[in-house]
Amino acid sequence: AVVSTQSTGILSNNQFSQIEITSGTLTQLTALSLDNNKIGQWTSVAELRKIPELRTLRIRLNPLITGPALDMRLLVVAMLPAVSKLNGTPISDNERLQADIFYLKHFAAEYYKGNSDFHIAHNRYKNLVEEYGEPDVGLPKIASIKDQSIMITIAKPDGKEFSKKLLKTTLVKNIHLIIQRQCKILPKNQKLYWVNCLDEKVYLDDPSRDLAYFDIIQDTTVYVEV
């Protein structure tokens, strides 16, 4: 059956196997049901990113969604960052973080092959690599989700603080960008450091390095100097 309004599209129980969307169309669509079709390629999921206001999606009972339910959910959540409700269940901030990490790990081997078809099907992967750093194919999946994220506190120059959950592989340059958004301080004007057990300042002085390189662990406070 095909039922649609300006904001809702119900395309469940059809037999189509592929989705192609022309950019600039479906601009008012906020909810879409694709249950029980024959969608079997990740390129079709990537196409849904062309629907700018899509927030609610149902995509169960498709050949693509054949692995463990949690794994498949996390992959779809990672590929569609604007969607806030998937298969009837809201997506929390914590689930989205886990989804991003799992997605990076799950497709790491294909990413390192450098196949151009991979980047067509997974057009968000490069953005996540820029945000979190390149995945380590040597880590088990469970570690990538559970053990690779840490909570740090960032102390702003005015004495106020905010907390952020990040991957240990998050690059320092991306921390600079987070601080720029929060504090309106350009990265070139920021000096970041944390204080070790000897009360020594350890400066995060290489933007291309990740948090793990500077021994940043759970509950570390990173200070911002200007």
N, C-alpha and C. Protein backbone atom coordinates (compact mmCIF):
# COMPACT_ATOMS: atom_id res chain seq x y z
N ALA A 1 0.84 -1.19 0.00
CA ALA A 1 0.00 0.00 0.00
C ALA A 1 0.88 1.24 0.00
N VAL A 2 0.43 2.26 -0.70
CA VAL A 2 1.14 3.52 -0.74
C VAL A 2 0.19 4.61 -0.27
N VAL A 3 0.50 5.23 0.86
CA VAL A 3 -0.31 6.30 1.40
C VAL A 3 0.61 7.46 1.71
N SER A 4 0.27 8.67 1.29
CA SER A 4 1.16 9.79 1.55
C SER A 4 0.39 11.07 1.77
N THR A 5 0.93 11.92 2.61
CA THR A 5 0.48 13.29 2.78
C THR A 5 1.71 14.15 2.61
N GLN A 6 1.59 15.44 2.85
CA GLN A 6 2.78 16.28 2.73
C GLN A 6 3.85 15.89 3.73
N SER A 7 3.43 15.43 4.93
CA SER A 7 4.40 15.17 5.99
C SER A 7 4.62 13.69 6.28
N THR A 8 3.77 12.79 5.77
CA THR A 8 3.87 11.38 6.10
C THR A 8 3.81 10.53 4.83
N GLY A 9 4.71 9.55 4.74
CA GLY A 9 4.68 8.62 3.63
C GLY A 9 4.64 7.19 4.13
N ILE A 10 3.65 6.41 3.69
CA ILE A 10 3.53 5.00 4.08
C ILE A 10 3.73 4.16 2.83
N LEU A 11 4.89 3.51 2.76
CA LEU A 11 5.26 2.70 1.61
C LEU A 11 5.51 1.26 2.03
N SER A 12 4.83 0.83 3.09
CA SER A 12 4.99 -0.52 3.59
C SER A 12 4.31 -1.53 2.68
N ASN A 13 4.81 -2.79 2.75
CA ASN A 13 4.17 -3.91 2.05
C ASN A 13 4.14 -3.75 0.54
N ASN A 14 5.13 -3.10 -0.01
CA ASN A 14 5.35 -3.07 -1.44
C ASN A 14 6.51 -4.01 -1.76
N GLN A 15 6.90 -4.09 -2.99
CA GLN A 15 7.94 -5.04 -3.37
C GLN A 15 9.20 -4.35 -3.89
N PHE A 16 9.32 -3.04 -3.66
CA PHE A 16 10.49 -2.36 -4.22
C PHE A 16 11.75 -2.69 -3.44
N SER A 17 12.87 -2.70 -4.14
CA SER A 17 14.13 -3.12 -3.54
C SER A 17 15.17 -2.00 -3.47
N GLN A 18 14.87 -0.87 -4.07
CA GLN A 18 15.85 0.21 -4.14
C GLN A 18 15.17 1.55 -3.95
N ILE A 19 15.88 2.48 -3.31
CA ILE A 19 15.36 3.83 -3.10
C ILE A 19 16.29 4.82 -3.79
N GLU A 20 15.72 5.68 -4.60
CA GLU A 20 16.46 6.78 -5.20
C GLU A 20 15.64 8.05 -5.02
N ILE A 21 16.25 9.07 -4.48
CA ILE A 21 15.54 10.32 -4.17
C ILE A 21 16.27 11.47 -4.85
N THR A 22 15.52 12.31 -5.50
CA THR A 22 16.09 13.50 -6.13
C THR A 22 16.23 14.60 -5.09
N SER A 23 17.41 15.14 -4.93
CA SER A 23 17.64 16.20 -3.95
C SER A 23 16.70 17.37 -4.22
N GLY A 24 16.16 17.94 -3.14
CA GLY A 24 15.24 19.07 -3.28
C GLY A 24 13.79 18.67 -3.33
N THR A 25 13.52 17.35 -3.35
CA THR A 25 12.14 16.88 -3.31
C THR A 25 11.82 16.39 -1.90
N LEU A 26 10.58 16.08 -1.63
CA LEU A 26 10.14 15.56 -0.32
C LEU A 26 10.59 16.46 0.82
N THR A 27 10.57 17.75 0.58
CA THR A 27 11.12 18.69 1.57
C THR A 27 10.27 18.83 2.82
N GLN A 28 9.00 18.42 2.77
CA GLN A 28 8.12 18.53 3.93
C GLN A 28 7.85 17.20 4.61
N LEU A 29 8.44 16.13 4.08
CA LEU A 29 8.20 14.80 4.64
C LEU A 29 8.94 14.64 5.98
N THR A 30 8.21 14.31 7.05
CA THR A 30 8.81 14.14 8.37
C THR A 30 8.74 12.70 8.88
N ALA A 31 7.85 11.89 8.31
CA ALA A 31 7.67 10.51 8.76
C ALA A 31 7.53 9.59 7.56
N LEU A 32 8.18 8.43 7.62
CA LEU A 32 8.19 7.50 6.49
C LEU A 32 8.19 6.07 7.01
N SER A 33 7.32 5.24 6.43
CA SER A 33 7.27 3.82 6.76
C SER A 33 7.66 2.99 5.54
N LEU A 34 8.69 2.16 5.70
CA LEU A 34 9.19 1.31 4.63
C LEU A 34 9.18 -0.16 5.03
N ASP A 35 8.38 -0.52 6.02
CA ASP A 35 8.34 -1.90 6.50
C ASP A 35 7.95 -2.88 5.40
N ASN A 36 8.54 -4.08 5.50
CA ASN A 36 8.13 -5.21 4.67
C ASN A 36 8.24 -4.94 3.17
N ASN A 37 9.45 -4.53 2.77
CA ASN A 37 9.77 -4.41 1.36
C ASN A 37 10.97 -5.30 1.05
N LYS A 38 11.69 -5.03 -0.02
CA LYS A 38 12.84 -5.85 -0.40
C LYS A 38 14.11 -5.02 -0.48
N ILE A 39 14.20 -4.02 0.39
CA ILE A 39 15.37 -3.14 0.41
C ILE A 39 16.57 -3.93 0.93
N GLY A 40 17.61 -4.02 0.11
CA GLY A 40 18.74 -4.87 0.49
C GLY A 40 20.09 -4.22 0.37
N GLN A 41 20.13 -2.90 0.10
CA GLN A 41 21.41 -2.22 -0.08
C GLN A 41 21.49 -1.01 0.84
N TRP A 42 22.68 -0.79 1.40
CA TRP A 42 22.87 0.36 2.29
C TRP A 42 22.76 1.68 1.51
N THR A 43 22.95 1.62 0.19
CA THR A 43 22.80 2.84 -0.60
C THR A 43 21.38 3.40 -0.48
N SER A 44 20.40 2.53 -0.32
CA SER A 44 19.02 2.99 -0.17
C SER A 44 18.81 3.71 1.14
N VAL A 45 19.47 3.24 2.20
CA VAL A 45 19.38 3.94 3.49
C VAL A 45 20.07 5.30 3.38
N ALA A 46 21.21 5.34 2.71
CA ALA A 46 21.93 6.61 2.54
C ALA A 46 21.08 7.62 1.77
N GLU A 47 20.27 7.15 0.84
CA GLU A 47 19.41 8.04 0.06
C GLU A 47 18.44 8.81 0.95
N LEU A 48 18.04 8.21 2.06
CA LEU A 48 17.07 8.85 2.95
C LEU A 48 17.61 10.13 3.58
N ARG A 49 18.92 10.31 3.55
CA ARG A 49 19.50 11.56 4.06
C ARG A 49 19.13 12.76 3.20
N LYS A 50 18.65 12.48 2.00
CA LYS A 50 18.23 13.57 1.11
C LYS A 50 16.87 14.15 1.50
N ILE A 51 16.19 13.51 2.47
CA ILE A 51 14.91 14.03 2.96
C ILE A 51 15.23 14.91 4.17
N PRO A 52 15.27 16.22 4.02
CA PRO A 52 15.87 17.08 5.06
C PRO A 52 15.13 17.10 6.39
N GLU A 53 13.81 16.89 6.38
CA GLU A 53 13.03 16.98 7.61
C GLU A 53 12.61 15.62 8.17
N LEU A 54 13.16 14.54 7.63
CA LEU A 54 12.77 13.21 8.09
C LEU A 54 13.20 12.98 9.54
N ARG A 55 12.23 12.70 10.41
CA ARG A 55 12.52 12.51 11.83
C ARG A 55 12.05 11.15 12.34
N THR A 56 11.04 10.57 11.67
CA THR A 56 10.46 9.30 12.12
C THR A 56 10.53 8.30 10.97
N LEU A 57 11.12 7.12 11.24
CA LEU A 57 11.31 6.12 10.19
C LEU A 57 10.99 4.73 10.72
N ARG A 58 10.29 3.96 9.89
CA ARG A 58 10.09 2.54 10.13
C ARG A 58 10.67 1.80 8.93
N ILE A 59 11.54 0.80 9.19
CA ILE A 59 12.22 0.11 8.09
C ILE A 59 12.46 -1.36 8.43
N ARG A 60 11.53 -1.95 9.17
CA ARG A 60 11.67 -3.36 9.55
C ARG A 60 11.25 -4.28 8.41
N LEU A 61 11.65 -5.57 8.55
CA LEU A 61 11.24 -6.61 7.60
C LEU A 61 11.70 -6.31 6.18
N ASN A 62 12.97 -5.96 6.07
CA ASN A 62 13.63 -5.81 4.77
C ASN A 62 14.88 -6.69 4.77
N PRO A 63 15.31 -7.19 3.60
CA PRO A 63 16.49 -8.05 3.54
C PRO A 63 17.74 -7.42 4.15
N LEU A 64 17.84 -6.09 4.08
CA LEU A 64 18.98 -5.40 4.66
C LEU A 64 19.06 -5.62 6.16
N ILE A 65 17.89 -5.68 6.80
CA ILE A 65 17.81 -5.76 8.26
C ILE A 65 17.70 -7.23 8.65
N THR A 66 18.78 -7.99 8.44
CA THR A 66 18.73 -9.43 8.69
C THR A 66 19.67 -9.88 9.81
N GLY A 67 20.55 -9.00 10.27
CA GLY A 67 21.47 -9.36 11.34
C GLY A 67 20.81 -9.20 12.69
N PRO A 68 21.61 -9.27 13.77
CA PRO A 68 21.05 -9.02 15.11
C PRO A 68 20.32 -7.69 15.15
N ALA A 69 19.15 -7.67 15.78
CA ALA A 69 18.29 -6.49 15.75
C ALA A 69 19.00 -5.24 16.26
N LEU A 70 19.76 -5.39 17.37
CA LEU A 70 20.45 -4.23 17.94
C LEU A 70 21.50 -3.69 16.97
N ASP A 71 22.26 -4.60 16.36
CA ASP A 71 23.30 -4.18 15.42
C ASP A 71 22.70 -3.40 14.27
N MET A 72 21.63 -3.92 13.68
CA MET A 72 21.01 -3.27 12.53
C MET A 72 20.43 -1.91 12.93
N ARG A 73 19.85 -1.84 14.11
CA ARG A 73 19.31 -0.55 14.57
C ARG A 73 20.43 0.48 14.71
N LEU A 74 21.53 0.08 15.31
CA LEU A 74 22.64 1.02 15.51
C LEU A 74 23.19 1.51 14.18
N LEU A 75 23.26 0.63 13.19
CA LEU A 75 23.79 1.04 11.89
C LEU A 75 22.88 2.06 11.22
N VAL A 76 21.57 1.84 11.28
CA VAL A 76 20.63 2.79 10.67
C VAL A 76 20.66 4.12 11.42
N VAL A 77 20.73 4.06 12.76
CA VAL A 77 20.80 5.29 13.56
C VAL A 77 22.02 6.10 13.16
N ALA A 78 23.15 5.45 12.99
CA ALA A 78 24.39 6.15 12.64
C ALA A 78 24.31 6.77 11.25
N MET A 79 23.66 6.08 10.33
CA MET A 79 23.61 6.57 8.96
C MET A 79 22.63 7.73 8.78
N LEU A 80 21.66 7.86 9.70
CA LEU A 80 20.63 8.89 9.57
C LEU A 80 20.59 9.76 10.83
N PRO A 81 21.53 10.69 10.97
CA PRO A 81 21.65 11.46 12.22
C PRO A 81 20.47 12.37 12.51
N ALA A 82 19.66 12.70 11.52
CA ALA A 82 18.53 13.60 11.76
C ALA A 82 17.30 12.86 12.26
N VAL A 83 17.25 11.55 12.06
CA VAL A 83 16.09 10.77 12.51
C VAL A 83 16.12 10.64 14.04
N SER A 84 14.99 10.92 14.68
CA SER A 84 14.93 10.88 16.14
C SER A 84 14.09 9.74 16.68
N LYS A 85 13.37 9.04 15.79
CA LYS A 85 12.55 7.90 16.21
C LYS A 85 12.63 6.82 15.15
N LEU A 86 13.10 5.62 15.53
CA LEU A 86 13.29 4.54 14.58
C LEU A 86 12.48 3.32 15.00
N ASN A 87 11.66 2.83 14.10
CA ASN A 87 10.83 1.65 14.35
C ASN A 87 10.02 1.78 15.63
N GLY A 88 9.51 2.98 15.87
CA GLY A 88 8.63 3.23 16.99
C GLY A 88 9.31 3.58 18.29
N THR A 89 10.65 3.57 18.32
CA THR A 89 11.38 3.83 19.55
C THR A 89 12.25 5.08 19.41
N PRO A 90 12.14 6.04 20.36
CA PRO A 90 12.97 7.24 20.29
C PRO A 90 14.46 6.89 20.40
N ILE A 91 15.30 7.73 19.79
CA ILE A 91 16.75 7.54 19.81
C ILE A 91 17.34 8.51 20.83
N SER A 92 18.00 7.99 21.86
CA SER A 92 18.61 8.84 22.89
C SER A 92 19.98 9.31 22.43
N ASP A 93 20.51 10.33 23.12
CA ASP A 93 21.85 10.82 22.79
C ASP A 93 22.90 9.74 23.02
N ASN A 94 22.72 8.95 24.10
CA ASN A 94 23.68 7.89 24.39
C ASN A 94 23.63 6.81 23.32
N GLU A 95 22.43 6.46 22.86
CA GLU A 95 22.32 5.45 21.80
C GLU A 95 22.97 5.96 20.52
N ARG A 96 22.81 7.24 20.23
CA ARG A 96 23.40 7.78 19.01
C ARG A 96 24.93 7.72 19.08
N LEU A 97 25.50 8.01 20.25
CA LEU A 97 26.95 7.90 20.41
C LEU A 97 27.39 6.45 20.18
N GLN A 98 26.70 5.50 20.82
CA GLN A 98 27.05 4.10 20.64
C GLN A 98 26.90 3.69 19.18
N ALA A 99 25.88 4.22 18.52
CA ALA A 99 25.66 3.88 17.12
C ALA A 99 26.81 4.38 16.25
N ASP A 100 27.26 5.61 16.49
CA ASP A 100 28.38 6.15 15.71
C ASP A 100 29.63 5.29 15.88
N ILE A 101 29.90 4.91 17.12
CA ILE A 101 31.10 4.11 17.40
C ILE A 101 30.99 2.73 16.75
N PHE A 102 29.82 2.12 16.90
CA PHE A 102 29.61 0.79 16.34
C PHE A 102 29.71 0.81 14.82
N TYR A 103 29.15 1.83 14.22
CA TYR A 103 29.17 1.99 12.76
C TYR A 103 30.60 2.12 12.25
N LEU A 104 31.38 2.94 12.92
CA LEU A 104 32.79 3.10 12.54
C LEU A 104 33.51 1.76 12.58
N LYS A 105 33.29 1.01 13.65
CA LYS A 105 33.97 -0.27 13.82
C LYS A 105 33.47 -1.32 12.83
N HIS A 106 32.16 -1.35 12.64
CA HIS A 106 31.55 -2.40 11.83
C HIS A 106 32.04 -2.38 10.39
N PHE A 107 32.22 -1.17 9.84
CA PHE A 107 32.60 -1.05 8.44
C PHE A 107 34.07 -0.64 8.28
N ALA A 108 34.87 -0.78 9.32
CA ALA A 108 36.26 -0.34 9.26
C ALA A 108 37.05 -1.05 8.15
N ALA A 109 36.88 -2.35 8.05
CA ALA A 109 37.64 -3.11 7.05
C ALA A 109 37.33 -2.62 5.63
N GLU A 110 36.04 -2.35 5.36
CA GLU A 110 35.67 -1.86 4.02
C GLU A 110 36.20 -0.45 3.80
N TYR A 111 36.19 0.35 4.84
CA TYR A 111 36.70 1.73 4.74
C TYR A 111 38.17 1.73 4.33
N TYR A 112 38.96 0.86 4.95
CA TYR A 112 40.40 0.85 4.67
C TYR A 112 40.73 0.27 3.29
N LYS A 113 39.78 -0.42 2.67
CA LYS A 113 40.00 -0.90 1.30
C LYS A 113 40.02 0.24 0.30
N GLY A 114 39.39 1.38 0.66
CA GLY A 114 39.39 2.55 -0.21
C GLY A 114 38.50 2.43 -1.44
N ASN A 115 37.53 1.54 -1.39
CA ASN A 115 36.62 1.34 -2.53
C ASN A 115 35.67 2.52 -2.65
N SER A 116 35.57 3.11 -3.85
CA SER A 116 34.71 4.27 -4.04
C SER A 116 33.24 3.94 -3.82
N ASP A 117 32.84 2.70 -4.12
CA ASP A 117 31.45 2.29 -3.89
C ASP A 117 31.08 2.36 -2.42
N PHE A 118 32.06 2.12 -1.55
CA PHE A 118 31.79 2.19 -0.11
C PHE A 118 31.36 3.59 0.27
N HIS A 119 32.01 4.61 -0.24
CA HIS A 119 31.69 5.98 0.14
C HIS A 119 30.37 6.46 -0.46
N ILE A 120 29.92 5.81 -1.51
CA ILE A 120 28.60 6.11 -2.05
C ILE A 120 27.52 5.56 -1.12
N ALA A 121 27.72 4.33 -0.68
CA ALA A 121 26.75 3.69 0.23
C ALA A 121 26.82 4.27 1.63
N HIS A 122 28.00 4.73 2.02
CA HIS A 122 28.21 5.20 3.40
C HIS A 122 28.76 6.62 3.37
N ASN A 123 27.92 7.52 2.87
CA ASN A 123 28.40 8.89 2.67
C ASN A 123 28.56 9.67 3.97
N ARG A 124 28.21 9.09 5.11
CA ARG A 124 28.43 9.77 6.38
C ARG A 124 29.71 9.29 7.07
N TYR A 125 30.28 8.20 6.59
CA TYR A 125 31.42 7.59 7.28
C TYR A 125 32.59 8.55 7.40
N LYS A 126 32.88 9.27 6.32
CA LYS A 126 34.00 10.21 6.33
C LYS A 126 33.81 11.29 7.39
N ASN A 127 32.55 11.76 7.55
CA ASN A 127 32.27 12.77 8.57
C ASN A 127 32.56 12.25 9.97
N LEU A 128 32.21 10.99 10.21
CA LEU A 128 32.44 10.40 11.53
C LEU A 128 33.92 10.18 11.78
N VAL A 129 34.67 9.82 10.74
CA VAL A 129 36.12 9.69 10.89
C VAL A 129 36.73 11.03 11.27
N GLU A 130 36.27 12.10 10.65
CA GLU A 130 36.77 13.43 10.97
C GLU A 130 36.43 13.82 12.40
N GLU A 131 35.27 13.37 12.88
CA GLU A 131 34.84 13.74 14.23
C GLU A 131 35.50 12.90 15.31
N TYR A 132 35.60 11.56 15.08
CA TYR A 132 36.06 10.65 16.12
C TYR A 132 37.48 10.12 15.90
N GLY A 133 37.97 10.24 14.68
CA GLY A 133 39.25 9.63 14.36
C GLY A 133 39.04 8.31 13.64
N GLU A 134 40.08 7.81 12.99
CA GLU A 134 39.96 6.57 12.23
C GLU A 134 39.79 5.38 13.16
N PRO A 135 38.96 4.40 12.76
CA PRO A 135 38.71 3.24 13.62
C PRO A 135 39.91 2.33 13.71
N ASP A 136 40.03 1.65 14.83
CA ASP A 136 41.10 0.67 15.05
C ASP A 136 40.50 -0.71 14.80
N VAL A 137 40.89 -1.34 13.70
CA VAL A 137 40.32 -2.64 13.35
C VAL A 137 40.77 -3.73 14.30
N GLY A 138 41.76 -3.45 15.15
CA GLY A 138 42.24 -4.48 16.06
C GLY A 138 41.42 -4.63 17.31
N LEU A 139 40.50 -3.69 17.59
CA LEU A 139 39.71 -3.77 18.80
C LEU A 139 38.44 -4.57 18.58
N PRO A 140 38.02 -5.38 19.56
CA PRO A 140 36.76 -6.09 19.42
C PRO A 140 35.59 -5.13 19.44
N LYS A 141 34.47 -5.51 18.84
CA LYS A 141 33.32 -4.62 18.73
C LYS A 141 32.84 -4.16 20.11
N ILE A 142 32.77 -5.08 21.06
CA ILE A 142 32.21 -4.72 22.35
C ILE A 142 33.06 -3.65 23.02
N ALA A 143 34.37 -3.70 22.80
CA ALA A 143 35.24 -2.68 23.37
C ALA A 143 35.02 -1.35 22.70
N SER A 144 34.75 -1.37 21.41
CA SER A 144 34.58 -0.11 20.70
C SER A 144 33.38 0.65 21.21
N ILE A 145 32.36 -0.07 21.67
CA ILE A 145 31.16 0.59 22.17
C ILE A 145 31.31 0.94 23.65
N LYS A 146 31.73 -0.02 24.44
CA LYS A 146 31.69 0.15 25.88
C LYS A 146 32.92 0.85 26.44
N ASP A 147 34.08 0.52 25.90
CA ASP A 147 35.32 0.96 26.51
C ASP A 147 35.98 2.14 25.84
N GLN A 148 35.54 2.52 24.66
CA GLN A 148 36.22 3.58 23.94
C GLN A 148 35.66 4.97 24.22
N SER A 149 34.53 5.06 24.90
CA SER A 149 33.98 6.38 25.21
C SER A 149 34.31 6.78 26.64
N ILE A 150 34.60 8.06 26.82
CA ILE A 150 34.92 8.60 28.15
C ILE A 150 34.19 9.92 28.34
N MET A 151 33.94 10.25 29.59
CA MET A 151 33.35 11.54 29.91
C MET A 151 34.46 12.46 30.43
N ILE A 152 34.60 13.63 29.81
CA ILE A 152 35.58 14.59 30.29
C ILE A 152 34.87 15.89 30.64
N THR A 153 35.50 16.69 31.48
CA THR A 153 34.99 18.01 31.83
C THR A 153 35.89 19.05 31.19
N ILE A 154 35.28 20.04 30.57
CA ILE A 154 36.04 21.12 29.97
C ILE A 154 35.81 22.38 30.78
N ALA A 155 36.89 22.93 31.34
CA ALA A 155 36.81 24.14 32.17
C ALA A 155 37.10 25.36 31.31
N LYS A 156 36.11 26.21 31.17
CA LYS A 156 36.24 27.40 30.32
C LYS A 156 37.04 28.49 31.03
N PRO A 157 37.55 29.45 30.30
CA PRO A 157 38.36 30.52 30.92
C PRO A 157 37.61 31.31 31.98
N ASP A 158 36.27 31.38 31.88
CA ASP A 158 35.49 32.14 32.86
C ASP A 158 35.19 31.34 34.13
N GLY A 159 35.74 30.12 34.21
CA GLY A 159 35.54 29.29 35.39
C GLY A 159 34.37 28.34 35.30
N LYS A 160 33.51 28.52 34.33
CA LYS A 160 32.38 27.62 34.15
C LYS A 160 32.85 26.33 33.47
N GLU A 161 32.09 25.27 33.68
CA GLU A 161 32.47 23.98 33.14
C GLU A 161 31.31 23.34 32.39
N PHE A 162 31.63 22.44 31.46
CA PHE A 162 30.62 21.59 30.84
C PHE A 162 31.25 20.23 30.57
N SER A 163 30.42 19.21 30.54
CA SER A 163 30.90 17.84 30.34
C SER A 163 30.57 17.36 28.94
N LYS A 164 31.40 16.45 28.45
CA LYS A 164 31.22 15.94 27.09
C LYS A 164 31.65 14.49 27.04
N LYS A 165 30.80 13.64 26.48
CA LYS A 165 31.18 12.24 26.27
C LYS A 165 31.82 12.12 24.90
N LEU A 166 33.03 11.56 24.86
CA LEU A 166 33.80 11.48 23.62
C LEU A 166 34.49 10.13 23.51
N LEU A 167 34.96 9.83 22.33
CA LEU A 167 35.81 8.66 22.15
C LEU A 167 37.24 8.99 22.54
N LYS A 168 37.97 7.97 22.98
CA LYS A 168 39.39 8.16 23.26
C LYS A 168 40.16 8.52 21.99
N THR A 169 39.58 8.18 20.83
CA THR A 169 40.23 8.47 19.56
C THR A 169 39.84 9.83 18.99
N THR A 170 39.06 10.61 19.74
CA THR A 170 38.70 11.95 19.28
C THR A 170 39.95 12.81 19.16
N LEU A 171 40.13 13.47 18.04
CA LEU A 171 41.31 14.29 17.82
C LEU A 171 41.21 15.61 18.59
N VAL A 172 42.37 16.13 18.98
CA VAL A 172 42.42 17.41 19.70
C VAL A 172 41.81 18.53 18.86
N LYS A 173 42.02 18.48 17.55
CA LYS A 173 41.47 19.54 16.70
C LYS A 173 39.95 19.59 16.79
N ASN A 174 39.32 18.43 17.03
CA ASN A 174 37.88 18.41 17.18
C ASN A 174 37.43 18.94 18.55
N ILE A 175 38.30 18.78 19.56
CA ILE A 175 38.02 19.39 20.87
C ILE A 175 38.05 20.91 20.72
N HIS A 176 39.00 21.40 19.96
CA HIS A 176 39.06 22.85 19.70
C HIS A 176 37.75 23.35 19.08
N LEU A 177 37.19 22.58 18.16
CA LEU A 177 35.96 23.00 17.51
C LEU A 177 34.78 22.98 18.47
N ILE A 178 34.75 22.00 19.36
CA ILE A 178 33.69 21.94 20.39
C ILE A 178 33.77 23.17 21.28
N ILE A 179 34.98 23.54 21.68
CA ILE A 179 35.17 24.70 22.54
C ILE A 179 34.82 25.99 21.80
N GLN A 180 35.15 26.02 20.51
CA GLN A 180 34.78 27.20 19.72
C GLN A 180 33.27 27.41 19.73
N ARG A 181 32.51 26.30 19.58
CA ARG A 181 31.06 26.42 19.58
C ARG A 181 30.52 26.84 20.94
N GLN A 182 31.14 26.32 22.00
CA GLN A 182 30.65 26.59 23.35
C GLN A 182 31.09 27.95 23.87
N CYS A 183 32.31 28.35 23.54
CA CYS A 183 32.92 29.54 24.15
C CYS A 183 33.16 30.70 23.19
N LYS A 184 32.94 30.45 21.90
CA LYS A 184 33.19 31.48 20.89
C LYS A 184 34.66 31.93 20.87
N ILE A 185 35.56 30.96 21.10
CA ILE A 185 37.00 31.23 21.06
C ILE A 185 37.59 30.47 19.87
N LEU A 186 38.26 31.15 18.99
CA LEU A 186 38.85 30.51 17.83
C LEU A 186 39.90 29.48 18.26
N PRO A 187 39.99 28.36 17.56
CA PRO A 187 40.98 27.34 17.91
C PRO A 187 42.39 27.87 18.04
N LYS A 188 42.79 28.81 17.18
CA LYS A 188 44.16 29.32 17.23
C LYS A 188 44.44 30.10 18.51
N ASN A 189 43.38 30.53 19.20
CA ASN A 189 43.55 31.28 20.45
C ASN A 189 43.40 30.41 21.70
N GLN A 190 43.22 29.12 21.50
CA GLN A 190 43.03 28.21 22.63
C GLN A 190 44.32 27.46 22.96
N LYS A 191 44.60 27.34 24.25
CA LYS A 191 45.63 26.42 24.73
C LYS A 191 44.95 25.47 25.70
N LEU A 192 45.05 24.18 25.41
CA LEU A 192 44.37 23.17 26.22
C LEU A 192 45.38 22.36 27.03
N TYR A 193 45.00 22.07 28.26
CA TYR A 193 45.89 21.24 29.09
C TYR A 193 45.08 20.51 30.15
N TRP A 194 45.68 19.47 30.72
CA TRP A 194 45.14 18.85 31.91
C TRP A 194 46.25 18.75 32.94
N VAL A 195 45.91 18.51 34.18
CA VAL A 195 46.89 18.49 35.26
C VAL A 195 47.08 17.05 35.74
N ASN A 196 48.34 16.57 35.69
CA ASN A 196 48.60 15.19 36.10
C ASN A 196 48.77 15.07 37.61
N CYS A 197 49.11 13.88 38.07
CA CYS A 197 49.18 13.61 39.51
C CYS A 197 50.34 14.36 40.17
N LEU A 198 51.27 14.89 39.39
CA LEU A 198 52.38 15.68 39.93
C LEU A 198 52.09 17.17 39.88
N ASP A 199 50.84 17.51 39.64
CA ASP A 199 50.41 18.90 39.49
C ASP A 199 51.12 19.61 38.34
N GLU A 200 51.46 18.83 37.31
CA GLU A 200 52.09 19.41 36.13
C GLU A 200 51.05 19.58 35.02
N LYS A 201 51.16 20.68 34.31
CA LYS A 201 50.26 20.90 33.18
C LYS A 201 50.75 20.07 31.98
N VAL A 202 49.85 19.30 31.42
CA VAL A 202 50.16 18.53 30.21
C VAL A 202 49.37 19.17 29.08
N TYR A 203 50.07 19.84 28.18
CA TYR A 203 49.40 20.57 27.11
C TYR A 203 49.04 19.65 25.95
N LEU A 204 47.84 19.83 25.44
CA LEU A 204 47.38 19.10 24.26
C LEU A 204 47.82 19.92 23.05
N ASP A 205 49.10 19.84 22.74
CA ASP A 205 49.73 20.78 21.81
C ASP A 205 49.86 20.27 20.38
N ASP A 206 49.27 19.10 20.10
CA ASP A 206 49.30 18.59 18.73
C ASP A 206 47.87 18.27 18.30
N PRO A 207 47.27 19.14 17.49
CA PRO A 207 45.86 18.95 17.10
C PRO A 207 45.59 17.66 16.35
N SER A 208 46.62 17.07 15.76
CA SER A 208 46.41 15.85 14.97
C SER A 208 46.42 14.59 15.83
N ARG A 209 46.73 14.73 17.12
CA ARG A 209 46.76 13.59 18.04
C ARG A 209 45.39 13.41 18.70
N ASP A 210 45.14 12.19 19.20
CA ASP A 210 43.86 11.94 19.86
C ASP A 210 44.00 12.03 21.37
N LEU A 211 42.88 11.91 22.08
CA LEU A 211 42.88 12.05 23.54
C LEU A 211 43.74 10.98 24.20
N ALA A 212 43.70 9.76 23.67
CA ALA A 212 44.48 8.67 24.26
C ALA A 212 45.98 8.97 24.23
N TYR A 213 46.43 9.65 23.20
CA TYR A 213 47.85 9.99 23.09
C TYR A 213 48.32 10.84 24.27
N PHE A 214 47.43 11.70 24.76
CA PHE A 214 47.78 12.57 25.88
C PHE A 214 47.33 11.99 27.22
N ASP A 215 47.00 10.69 27.23
CA ASP A 215 46.62 9.97 28.46
C ASP A 215 45.35 10.54 29.10
N ILE A 216 44.46 11.07 28.27
CA ILE A 216 43.18 11.55 28.79
C ILE A 216 42.30 10.34 29.09
N ILE A 217 41.81 10.25 30.32
CA ILE A 217 40.98 9.13 30.73
C ILE A 217 39.64 9.64 31.28
N GLN A 218 38.83 8.71 31.71
CA GLN A 218 37.51 9.04 32.26
C GLN A 218 37.62 10.08 33.38
N ASP A 219 36.75 11.11 33.31
CA ASP A 219 36.63 12.16 34.34
C ASP A 219 37.81 13.13 34.39
N THR A 220 38.63 13.15 33.35
CA THR A 220 39.70 14.15 33.27
C THR A 220 39.08 15.52 33.02
N THR A 221 39.68 16.55 33.64
CA THR A 221 39.28 17.93 33.36
C THR A 221 40.31 18.56 32.42
N VAL A 222 39.81 19.07 31.31
CA VAL A 222 40.66 19.75 30.33
C VAL A 222 40.42 21.25 30.50
N TYR A 223 41.48 22.01 30.71
CA TYR A 223 41.39 23.44 30.95
C TYR A 223 41.67 24.22 29.66
N VAL A 224 40.98 25.32 29.50
CA VAL A 224 41.14 26.17 28.33
C VAL A 224 41.82 27.47 28.74
N GLU A 225 43.01 27.71 28.17
CA GLU A 225 43.71 28.99 28.36
C GLU A 225 43.56 29.83 27.10
N VAL A 226 43.52 31.12 27.29
CA VAL A 226 43.50 32.03 26.14
C VAL A 226 44.61 33.05 26.27
